[in-house]
Protein backbone atom coordinates (compact mmCIF):
# COMPACT_ATOMS: atom_id res chain seq x y z
CA MET A 1 25.76 22.76 4.19
CA ARG A 2 26.44 21.80 0.76
CA LYS A 3 29.91 20.76 -0.48
CA VAL A 4 31.69 22.65 -2.98
CA THR A 5 33.96 20.26 -5.25
CA PHE A 6 36.53 20.95 -7.89
CA GLY A 7 38.37 18.38 -10.25
CA GLY A 8 38.54 16.82 -13.40
CA ALA A 9 41.19 15.20 -15.63
CA ILE A 10 44.79 16.68 -15.77
CA SER A 11 47.87 15.93 -17.45
CA LEU A 12 50.90 15.37 -14.97
CA ASP A 13 52.11 18.90 -15.74
CA HIS A 14 48.85 20.38 -14.43
CA PHE A 15 46.86 21.40 -17.62
CA ILE A 16 43.45 20.72 -18.24
CA ALA A 17 43.63 20.97 -21.88
CA ARG A 18 45.80 22.07 -24.82
CA LYS A 19 46.06 25.76 -25.88
CA ASP A 20 43.34 25.19 -28.44
CA HIS A 21 41.06 23.72 -25.75
CA THR A 22 41.14 20.22 -27.05
CA TYR A 23 41.56 17.21 -24.68
CA ASP A 24 42.22 14.40 -27.09
CA TRP A 25 44.94 13.18 -24.62
CA ILE A 26 42.35 12.16 -22.04
CA ILE A 27 42.59 8.41 -21.49
CA SER A 28 39.35 6.69 -20.95
CA THR A 29 39.35 3.97 -18.48
CA ARG A 30 36.37 1.85 -16.90
CA GLU A 31 37.36 2.94 -13.43
CA ALA A 32 37.34 6.64 -14.30
CA ASN A 33 33.85 5.97 -15.90
CA GLU A 34 32.48 4.41 -12.73
CA ILE A 35 33.99 7.27 -10.58
CA LEU A 36 32.48 10.03 -12.68
CA LYS A 37 29.26 8.04 -12.88
CA ASP A 38 29.07 7.91 -8.96
CA TYR A 39 30.12 11.45 -8.93
CA TRP A 40 27.17 12.95 -11.03
CA GLU A 41 24.80 11.27 -8.46
CA THR A 42 26.32 13.47 -5.57
CA ILE A 43 25.56 16.82 -7.29
CA ASP A 44 22.74 18.83 -8.41
CA THR A 45 24.48 22.36 -9.29
CA ILE A 46 27.48 23.09 -11.55
CA VAL A 47 29.04 26.43 -11.56
CA MET A 48 31.48 27.39 -14.60
CA GLY A 49 32.94 30.33 -16.34
CA ARG A 50 32.23 31.60 -19.88
CA LEU A 51 35.16 29.97 -21.30
CA THR A 52 34.32 26.49 -19.97
CA TYR A 53 30.85 27.21 -21.25
CA GLU A 54 31.85 27.96 -24.71
CA VAL A 55 34.16 24.90 -25.03
CA ALA A 56 31.03 22.60 -23.68
CA ALA A 57 28.71 24.14 -25.98
CA ALA A 58 31.03 23.82 -28.93
CA GLY A 59 31.03 19.97 -27.97
CA GLY A 60 27.36 19.70 -27.80
CA ALA A 61 26.91 20.09 -24.08
CA GLY A 62 25.73 23.86 -23.81
CA GLY A 63 22.07 22.69 -22.82
CA GLY A 64 23.14 21.54 -19.46
CA HIS A 65 22.40 18.20 -18.04
CA ALA A 66 19.25 16.75 -16.87
CA GLY A 67 18.49 17.14 -13.32
CA ILE A 68 21.30 19.61 -12.71
CA LYS A 69 21.23 23.29 -12.60
CA THR A 70 23.93 24.96 -14.39
CA TYR A 71 25.13 28.56 -13.49
CA VAL A 72 27.57 30.41 -16.20
CA PHE A 73 29.31 33.38 -14.81
CA SER A 74 30.22 36.11 -17.43
CA ARG A 75 30.48 39.72 -17.31
CA THR A 76 30.20 39.68 -21.18
CA MET A 77 28.12 36.93 -22.73
CA LYS A 78 24.41 37.74 -23.04
CA LYS A 79 22.53 34.62 -23.64
CA PRO A 80 18.87 33.78 -22.65
CA ASN A 81 18.44 31.54 -19.68
CA THR A 82 17.07 27.96 -20.31
CA LYS A 83 15.67 25.49 -17.71
CA ARG A 84 18.96 24.17 -17.14
CA VAL A 85 21.33 27.10 -17.73
CA ILE A 86 21.52 30.26 -16.13
CA PHE A 87 23.88 33.10 -17.08
CA LEU A 88 24.96 35.43 -14.45
CA SER A 89 27.10 38.56 -14.21
CA GLU A 90 27.05 38.75 -10.47
CA ASP A 91 30.33 37.89 -8.41
CA ALA A 92 30.74 34.23 -8.18
CA ALA A 93 32.30 34.08 -4.71
CA ASP A 94 28.96 35.76 -3.43
CA PHE A 95 26.74 33.73 -5.43
CA VAL A 96 28.30 30.35 -4.44
CA ARG A 97 28.39 31.30 -0.64
CA ARG A 98 24.69 31.96 -0.80
CA ILE A 99 23.57 28.57 -2.65
CA LYS A 100 26.19 26.67 -0.52
CA LYS A 101 23.84 27.30 2.23
CA GLU A 102 20.74 26.23 0.62
CA ALA A 103 19.22 22.58 0.66
CA GLY A 104 20.35 20.29 -2.12
CA LYS A 105 23.29 18.07 -3.34
CA ASP A 106 26.82 18.97 -3.69
CA ILE A 107 27.91 21.84 -6.16
CA CYS A 108 30.52 21.28 -9.11
CA VAL A 109 33.04 23.74 -9.97
CA MET A 110 33.51 22.87 -13.66
CA GLY A 111 36.34 23.66 -15.95
CA GLY A 112 39.28 25.97 -15.79
CA GLY A 113 41.12 27.58 -12.92
CA LEU A 114 40.23 31.12 -13.26
CA LEU A 115 36.72 30.51 -11.51
CA ALA A 116 38.25 28.18 -9.23
CA ARG A 117 40.76 30.58 -7.93
CA SER A 118 38.40 33.19 -7.04
CA LEU A 119 36.53 30.32 -5.03
CA PHE A 120 39.65 29.21 -3.40
CA GLU A 121 40.35 32.68 -2.26
CA ALA A 122 36.90 33.10 -0.93
CA ASP A 123 37.51 29.97 1.03
CA LEU A 124 34.54 28.10 -0.66
CA ILE A 125 35.97 24.89 -2.17
CA ASP A 126 35.72 21.86 0.11
CA GLU A 127 37.14 19.14 -1.96
CA ILE A 128 39.35 18.69 -4.80
CA GLY A 129 39.69 15.38 -7.15
CA PHE A 130 41.75 14.60 -10.11
CA ASN A 131 42.32 11.90 -12.60
CA ILE A 132 46.08 12.37 -13.28
CA HIS A 133 46.93 11.28 -16.85
CA PRO A 134 50.44 10.01 -17.54
CA VAL A 135 51.34 12.78 -20.16
CA LEU A 136 53.27 15.84 -20.08
CA LEU A 137 51.62 18.38 -22.47
CA GLY A 138 54.34 20.98 -22.14
CA SER A 139 51.78 23.76 -22.64
CA GLY A 140 48.19 24.33 -22.50
CA ILE A 141 45.40 25.76 -20.15
CA PRO A 142 46.61 25.48 -16.60
CA LEU A 143 44.51 23.95 -13.81
CA PHE A 144 45.74 26.27 -11.28
CA HIS A 145 46.53 30.11 -11.55
CA GLU A 146 48.48 32.22 -9.12
CA MET A 147 46.75 32.64 -5.70
CA SER A 148 47.34 35.24 -2.99
CA ARG A 149 47.82 32.46 -0.39
CA GLN A 150 48.59 28.85 0.36
CA ILE A 151 45.84 26.38 0.46
CA ASP A 152 46.38 23.26 2.46
CA LEU A 153 45.03 20.03 1.92
CA ASP A 154 44.43 16.74 3.51
CA LEU A 155 44.73 13.60 1.24
CA LYS A 156 41.24 11.76 1.24
CA GLU A 157 41.93 9.08 -1.45
CA CYS A 158 44.63 8.04 -3.84
CA ARG A 159 44.08 5.11 -6.16
CA MET A 160 46.02 3.74 -9.23
CA LEU A 161 43.56 3.29 -12.19
CA SER A 162 44.32 1.41 -15.50
CA LYS A 163 46.56 2.71 -18.24
CA GLY A 164 48.88 4.51 -15.71
CA CYS A 165 46.36 6.96 -14.50
CA VAL A 166 46.11 8.01 -10.77
CA TYR A 167 42.87 9.45 -8.99
CA VAL A 168 43.50 11.60 -6.08
CA THR A 169 40.95 13.56 -3.97
CA TYR A 170 41.82 16.11 -1.09
CA ASN A 171 39.60 17.79 1.54
CA VAL A 172 40.69 21.52 1.68
CA LYS A 173 41.49 22.74 4.99
CA HIS A 174 39.71 26.10 5.68
CA ARG A 175 40.94 29.10 7.29
């Protein structure tokens, strides 16, 4: 069965972007770039919500990534599907549950916590990993949103990176 992962860069106060969706506070490091390069080799599928897609598209990444199928969940956005990007209005948890059983590499949950919340609540996320940046944004787009239950984790890795960043990964303890 394929592994579903969720992660990215976050501020120490758990924001993934400023309120205006900018992420100019992210510190680039050689180690983080290597971690990301290695990670991209483990996945062949990305799932994201409409807001994440819109931010990616505004930054020039709306066409998807070579060799990776991207699924965008939205009940309102109507765009034509392409070879790399498919727009879906169905329930994200049902879809991820189905593709998780298919052959392939791992599945990346990209972007904000609204989509991730539904997948956590459906007990579909297997691993989380974050590059924690030494900054308190004070406000912004939160990584996690209120959930109906506690999610327990097992620490898999904790590594200090340069420039004060810390990389952590956890396995999700399933119900």
